[in-house]
PDB file of N, CA and C in Angstrom:
ATOM      1  N   MET A   1     199.586  65.188 -33.386  1.00  0.00           N
ATOM      2  CA  MET A   1     198.812  66.377 -33.695  1.00  0.00           C
ATOM      3  C   MET A   1     198.723  67.236 -32.437  1.00  0.00           C
ATOM      4  N   ASP A   2     199.043  68.478 -32.573  1.00  0.00           N
ATOM      5  CA  ASP A   2     199.061  69.407 -31.447  1.00  0.00           C
ATOM      6  C   ASP A   2     197.890  70.368 -31.549  1.00  0.00           C
ATOM      7  N   ILE A   3     197.069  70.366 -30.525  1.00  0.00           N
ATOM      8  CA  ILE A   3     195.933  71.299 -30.500  1.00  0.00           C
ATOM      9  C   ILE A   3     196.336  72.495 -29.659  1.00  0.00           C
ATOM     10  N   THR A   4     196.272  73.649 -30.259  1.00  0.00           N
ATOM     11  CA  THR A   4     196.664  74.859 -29.532  1.00  0.00           C
ATOM     12  C   THR A   4     195.436  75.711 -29.265  1.00  0.00           C
ATOM     13  N   LYS A   5     195.553  76.487 -28.228  1.00  0.00           N
ATOM     14  CA  LYS A   5     194.468  77.401 -27.864  1.00  0.00           C
ATOM     15  C   LYS A   5     194.914  78.808 -28.231  1.00  0.00           C
ATOM     16  N   ASP A   6     194.112  79.462 -29.033  1.00  0.00           N
ATOM     17  CA  ASP A   6     194.439  80.833 -29.440  1.00  0.00           C
ATOM     18  C   ASP A   6     194.031  81.792 -28.332  1.00  0.00           C
ATOM     19  N   ASN A   7     194.972  82.572 -27.888  1.00  0.00           N
ATOM     20  CA  ASN A   7     194.696  83.585 -26.872  1.00  0.00           C
ATOM     21  C   ASN A   7     194.587  84.941 -27.553  1.00  0.00           C
ATOM     22  N   TYR A   8     193.387  85.459 -27.595  1.00  0.00           N
ATOM     23  CA  TYR A   8     193.171  86.784 -28.148  1.00  0.00           C
ATOM     24  C   TYR A   8     193.128  87.765 -26.982  1.00  0.00           C
ATOM     25  N   PHE A   9     193.770  88.872 -27.143  1.00  0.00           N
ATOM     26  CA  PHE A   9     193.805  89.853 -26.072  1.00  0.00           C
ATOM     27  C   PHE A   9     193.549  91.239 -26.630  1.00  0.00           C
ATOM     28  N   ASP A  10     193.119  92.108 -25.754  1.00  0.00           N
ATOM     29  CA  ASP A  10     192.731  93.463 -26.120  1.00  0.00           C
ATOM     30  C   ASP A  10     193.868  94.411 -25.736  1.00  0.00           C
ATOM     31  N   LEU A  11     194.486  95.009 -26.739  1.00  0.00           N
ATOM     32  CA  LEU A  11     195.568  95.962 -26.496  1.00  0.00           C
ATOM     33  C   LEU A  11     195.087  97.378 -26.760  1.00  0.00           C
ATOM     34  N   GLU A  12     195.584  98.284 -25.942  1.00  0.00           N
ATOM     35  CA  GLU A  12     195.241  99.690 -26.113  1.00  0.00           C
ATOM     36  C   GLU A  12     196.488 100.530 -25.856  1.00  0.00           C
ATOM     37  N   TYR A  13     196.716 101.491 -26.726  1.00  0.00           N
ATOM     38  CA  TYR A  13     197.892 102.349 -26.578  1.00  0.00           C
ATOM     39  C   TYR A  13     197.564 103.520 -25.663  1.00  0.00           C
ATOM     40  N   ASN A  14     198.342 103.682 -24.602  1.00  0.00           N
ATOM     41  CA  ASN A  14     198.166 104.783 -23.662  1.00  0.00           C
ATOM     42  C   ASN A  14     199.181 105.867 -24.027  1.00  0.00           C
ATOM     43  N   GLU A  15     198.678 106.998 -24.499  1.00  0.00           N
ATOM     44  CA  GLU A  15     199.559 108.067 -24.957  1.00  0.00           C
ATOM     45  C   GLU A  15     200.300 108.744 -23.816  1.00  0.00           C
ATOM     46  N   ARG A  16     199.660 108.823 -22.639  1.00  0.00           N
ATOM     47  CA  ARG A  16     200.317 109.475 -21.504  1.00  0.00           C
ATOM     48  C   ARG A  16     201.529 108.682 -21.015  1.00  0.00           C
ATOM     49  N   LYS A  17     201.383 107.380 -20.945  1.00  0.00           N
ATOM     50  CA  LYS A  17     202.478 106.544 -20.456  1.00  0.00           C
ATOM     51  C   LYS A  17     203.404 106.060 -21.570  1.00  0.00           C
ATOM     52  N   ASN A  18     202.954 106.181 -22.812  1.00  0.00           N
ATOM     53  CA  ASN A  18     203.698 105.728 -23.983  1.00  0.00           C
ATOM     54  C   ASN A  18     203.942 104.215 -23.930  1.00  0.00           C
ATOM     55  N   VAL A  19     202.887 103.488 -23.566  1.00  0.00           N
ATOM     56  CA  VAL A  19     202.981 102.031 -23.478  1.00  0.00           C
ATOM     57  C   VAL A  19     201.708 101.397 -24.032  1.00  0.00           C
ATOM     58  N   LEU A  20     201.818 100.113 -24.347  1.00  0.00           N
ATOM     59  CA  LEU A  20     200.651  99.331 -24.708  1.00  0.00           C
ATOM     60  C   LEU A  20     200.107  98.681 -23.438  1.00  0.00           C
ATOM     61  N   GLU A  21     198.794  98.768 -23.250  1.00  0.00           N
ATOM     62  CA  GLU A  21     198.164  98.169 -22.079  1.00  0.00           C
ATOM     63  C   GLU A  21     197.250  97.052 -22.526  1.00  0.00           C
ATOM     64  N   MET A  22     197.327  95.936 -21.809  1.00  0.00           N
ATOM     65  CA  MET A  22     196.487  94.791 -22.134  1.00  0.00           C
ATOM     66  C   MET A  22     195.354  94.718 -21.119  1.00  0.00           C
ATOM     67  N   HIS A  23     194.132  94.631 -21.614  1.00  0.00           N
ATOM     68  CA  HIS A  23     192.960  94.514 -20.764  1.00  0.00           C
ATOM     69  C   HIS A  23     192.578  93.048 -20.700  1.00  0.00           C
ATOM     70  N   ASN A  24     192.598  92.505 -19.501  1.00  0.00           N
ATOM     71  CA  ASN A  24     192.259  91.105 -19.319  1.00  0.00           C
ATOM     72  C   ASN A  24     190.776  91.003 -19.001  1.00  0.00           C
ATOM     73  N   SER A  25     189.993  90.555 -19.957  1.00  0.00           N
ATOM     74  CA  SER A  25     188.551  90.480 -19.767  1.00  0.00           C
ATOM     75  C   SER A  25     188.125  89.169 -19.110  1.00  0.00           C
ATOM     76  N   LYS A  26     189.046  88.224 -18.971  1.00  0.00           N
ATOM     77  CA  LYS A  26     188.694  86.943 -18.367  1.00  0.00           C
ATOM     78  C   LYS A  26     188.536  87.053 -16.862  1.00  0.00           C
ATOM     79  N   LYS A  27     189.272  87.950 -16.235  1.00  0.00           N
ATOM     80  CA  LYS A  27     189.173  88.120 -14.797  1.00  0.00           C
ATOM     81  C   LYS A  27     187.902  88.870 -14.453  1.00  0.00           C
ATOM     82  N   LYS A  28     187.118  88.298 -13.555  1.00  0.00           N
ATOM     83  CA  LYS A  28     185.901  88.966 -13.115  1.00  0.00           C
ATOM     84  C   LYS A  28     186.083  89.424 -11.682  1.00  0.00           C
ATOM     85  N   SER A  29     185.438  90.496 -11.367  1.00  0.00           N
ATOM     86  CA  SER A  29     185.468  90.990  -9.995  1.00  0.00           C
ATOM     87  C   SER A  29     184.698  90.026  -9.102  1.00  0.00           C
ATOM     88  N   ILE A  30     185.181  89.858  -7.886  1.00  0.00           N
ATOM     89  CA  ILE A  30     184.500  88.944  -6.953  1.00  0.00           C
ATOM     90  C   ILE A  30     183.118  89.471  -6.600  1.00  0.00           C
ATOM     91  N   PHE A  31     182.935  90.791  -6.640  1.00  0.00           N
ATOM     92  CA  PHE A  31     181.632  91.365  -6.323  1.00  0.00           C
ATOM     93  C   PHE A  31     180.643  91.155  -7.453  1.00  0.00           C
ATOM     94  N   ARG A  32     181.133  91.132  -8.687  1.00  0.00           N
ATOM     95  CA  ARG A  32     180.231  90.899  -9.816  1.00  0.00           C
ATOM     96  C   ARG A  32     179.813  89.447  -9.906  1.00  0.00           C
ATOM     97  N   SER A  33     180.721  88.537  -9.599  1.00  0.00           N
ATOM     98  CA  SER A  33     180.394  87.125  -9.743  1.00  0.00           C
ATOM     99  C   SER A  33     179.595  86.585  -8.565  1.00  0.00           C
ATOM    100  N   HIS A  34     179.610  87.268  -7.431  1.00  0.00           N
ATOM    101  CA  HIS A  34     178.876  86.823  -6.251  1.00  0.00           C
ATOM    102  C   HIS A  34     177.954  87.942  -5.771  1.00  0.00           C
ATOM    103  N   LYS A  35     177.011  88.327  -6.621  1.00  0.00           N
ATOM    104  CA  LYS A  35     176.125  89.451  -6.297  1.00  0.00           C
ATOM    105  C   LYS A  35     175.231  89.148  -5.103  1.00  0.00           C
ATOM    106  N   PHE A  36     174.705  87.944  -5.030  1.00  0.00           N
ATOM    107  CA  PHE A  36     173.786  87.598  -3.937  1.00  0.00           C
ATOM    108  C   PHE A  36     174.505  87.620  -2.603  1.00  0.00           C
ATOM    109  N   ILE A  37     175.675  87.020  -2.546  1.00  0.00           N
ATOM    110  CA  ILE A  37     176.439  86.975  -1.294  1.00  0.00           C
ATOM    111  C   ILE A  37     176.855  88.379  -0.868  1.00  0.00           C
ATOM    112  N   THR A  38     177.263  89.204  -1.831  1.00  0.00           N
ATOM    113  CA  THR A  38     177.642  90.585  -1.525  1.00  0.00           C
ATOM    114  C   THR A  38     176.453  91.365  -0.980  1.00  0.00           C
ATOM    115  N   THR A  39     175.289  91.159  -1.561  1.00  0.00           N
ATOM    116  CA  THR A  39     174.079  91.840  -1.095  1.00  0.00           C
ATOM    117  C   THR A  39     173.723  91.406   0.324  1.00  0.00           C
ATOM    118  N   VAL A  40     173.796  90.116   0.577  1.00  0.00           N
ATOM    119  CA  VAL A  40     173.467  89.610   1.913  1.00  0.00           C
ATOM    120  C   VAL A  40     174.465  90.140   2.944  1.00  0.00           C
ATOM    121  N   LEU A  41     175.745  90.123   2.632  1.00  0.00           N
ATOM    122  CA  LEU A  41     176.748  90.627   3.575  1.00  0.00           C
ATOM    123  C   LEU A  41     176.611  92.127   3.805  1.00  0.00           C
ATOM    124  N   GLY A  42     176.329  92.881   2.752  1.00  0.00           N
ATOM    125  CA  GLY A  42     176.130  94.321   2.892  1.00  0.00           C
ATOM    126  C   GLY A  42     174.930  94.652   3.752  1.00  0.00           C
ATOM    127  N   THR A  43     173.831  93.953   3.514  1.00  0.00           N
ATOM    128  CA  THR A  43     172.622  94.160   4.301  1.00  0.00           C
ATOM    129  C   THR A  43     172.860  93.781   5.762  1.00  0.00           C
ATOM    130  N   THR A  44     173.558  92.673   5.983  1.00  0.00           N
ATOM    131  CA  THR A  44     173.862  92.249   7.352  1.00  0.00           C
ATOM    132  C   THR A  44     174.708  93.286   8.071  1.00  0.00           C
ATOM    133  N   PHE A  45     175.700  93.827   7.389  1.00  0.00           N
ATOM    134  CA  PHE A  45     176.559  94.845   7.987  1.00  0.00           C
ATOM    135  C   PHE A  45     175.757  96.085   8.380  1.00  0.00           C
ATOM    136  N   VAL A  46     174.870  96.520   7.519  1.00  0.00           N
ATOM    137  CA  VAL A  46     174.047  97.710   7.804  1.00  0.00           C
ATOM    138  C   VAL A  46     173.124  97.443   8.988  1.00  0.00           C
ATOM    139  N   LEU A  47     172.495  96.278   9.023  1.00  0.00           N
ATOM    140  CA  LEU A  47     171.585  95.965  10.123  1.00  0.00           C
ATOM    141  C   LEU A  47     172.324  95.828  11.452  1.00  0.00           C
ATOM    142  N   VAL A  48     173.523  95.258  11.440  1.00  0.00           N
ATOM    143  CA  VAL A  48     174.312  95.149  12.667  1.00  0.00           C
ATOM    144  C   VAL A  48     174.705  96.541  13.161  1.00  0.00           C
ATOM    145  N   ALA A  49     175.085  97.428  12.242  1.00  0.00           N
ATOM    146  CA  ALA A  49     175.455  98.783  12.628  1.00  0.00           C
ATOM    147  C   ALA A  49     174.266  99.518  13.246  1.00  0.00           C
ATOM    148  N   ILE A  50     173.092  99.388  12.654  1.00  0.00           N
ATOM    149  CA  ILE A  50     171.893 100.025  13.210  1.00  0.00           C
ATOM    150  C   ILE A  50     171.574  99.442  14.582  1.00  0.00           C
ATOM    151  N   ASN A  51     171.693  98.136  14.722  1.00  0.00           N
ATOM    152  CA  ASN A  51     171.412  97.480  15.996  1.00  0.00           C
ATOM    153  C   ASN A  51     172.364  97.962  17.084  1.00  0.00           C
ATOM    154  N   LEU A  52     173.647  98.084  16.785  1.00  0.00           N
ATOM    155  CA  LEU A  52     174.610  98.568  17.769  1.00  0.00           C
ATOM    156  C   LEU A  52     174.315 100.011  18.182  1.00  0.00           C
ATOM    157  N   TYR A  53     173.920 100.836  17.233  1.00  0.00           N
ATOM    158  CA  TYR A  53     173.564 102.225  17.540  1.00  0.00           C
ATOM    159  C   TYR A  53     172.354 102.281  18.461  1.00  0.00           C
ATOM    160  N   LEU A  54     171.341 101.473  18.171  1.00  0.00           N
ATOM    161  CA  LEU A  54     170.137 101.474  19.001  1.00  0.00           C
ATOM    162  C   LEU A  54     170.424 100.956  20.406  1.00  0.00           C
ATOM    163  N   ILE A  55     171.273  99.954  20.547  1.00  0.00           N
ATOM    164  CA  ILE A  55     171.654  99.454  21.866  1.00  0.00           C
ATOM    165  C   ILE A  55     172.398 100.532  22.645  1.00  0.00           C
ATOM    166  N   TYR A  56     173.301 101.239  21.968  1.00  0.00           N
ATOM    167  CA  TYR A  56     174.039 102.324  22.616  1.00  0.00           C
ATOM    168  C   TYR A  56     173.092 103.409  23.127  1.00  0.00           C
ATOM    169  N   LYS A  57     172.146 103.808  22.297  1.00  0.00           N
ATOM    170  CA  LYS A  57     171.183 104.829  22.705  1.00  0.00           C
ATOM    171  C   LYS A  57     170.295 104.343  23.848  1.00  0.00           C
ATOM    172  N   PHE A  58     169.929 103.068  23.848  1.00  0.00           N
ATOM    173  CA  PHE A  58     169.114 102.511  24.907  1.00  0.00           C
ATOM    174  C   PHE A  58     169.859 102.567  26.236  1.00  0.00           C
ATOM    175  N   PHE A  59     171.134 102.206  26.227  1.00  0.00           N
ATOM    176  CA  PHE A  59     171.917 102.273  27.467  1.00  0.00           C
ATOM    177  C   PHE A  59     172.130 103.707  27.921  1.00  0.00           C
ATOM    178  N   GLU A  60     172.227 104.643  26.988  1.00  0.00           N
ATOM    179  CA  GLU A  60     172.301 106.058  27.360  1.00  0.00           C
ATOM    180  C   GLU A  60     171.049 106.497  28.092  1.00  0.00           C
ATOM    181  N   ILE A  61     169.901 106.051  27.579  1.00  0.00           N
ATOM    182  CA  ILE A  61     168.635 106.403  28.225  1.00  0.00           C
ATOM    183  C   ILE A  61     168.557 105.768  29.611  1.00  0.00           C
ATOM    184  N   LEU A  62     169.003 104.522  29.744  1.00  0.00           N
ATOM    185  CA  LEU A  62     168.983 103.856  31.042  1.00  0.00           C
ATOM    186  C   LEU A  62     169.901 104.542  32.051  1.00  0.00           C
ATOM    187  N   CYS A  63     171.000 105.071  31.591  1.00  0.00           N
ATOM    188  CA  CYS A  63     171.942 105.750  32.504  1.00  0.00           C
ATOM    189  C   CYS A  63     171.354 107.058  33.039  1.00  0.00           C
ATOM    190  N   THR A  64     170.489 107.701  32.289  1.00  0.00           N
ATOM    191  CA  THR A  64     169.913 108.969  32.741  1.00  0.00           C
ATOM    192  C   THR A  64     168.781 108.760  33.733  1.00  0.00           C
ATOM    193  N   ILE A  65     168.249 107.557  33.816  1.00  0.00           N
ATOM    194  CA  ILE A  65     167.115 107.291  34.739  1.00  0.00           C
ATOM    195  C   ILE A  65     167.656 107.105  36.149  1.00  0.00           C
TER     196      ILE A  65
END
């Protein structure tokens, strides 16, 4: 007895290209599946950028003294 898996797919006709396009809904974006990690990395990047700017400005002030 052979058990088969039915693969259903979403086809859409693109009139501009004159082709059928298949939309793969099984693939998820890495940003959607890892929202917490993306948020933490984004926040870290912003805070590091602000910190570097403030250090640069501090050294500018020290150079003028």
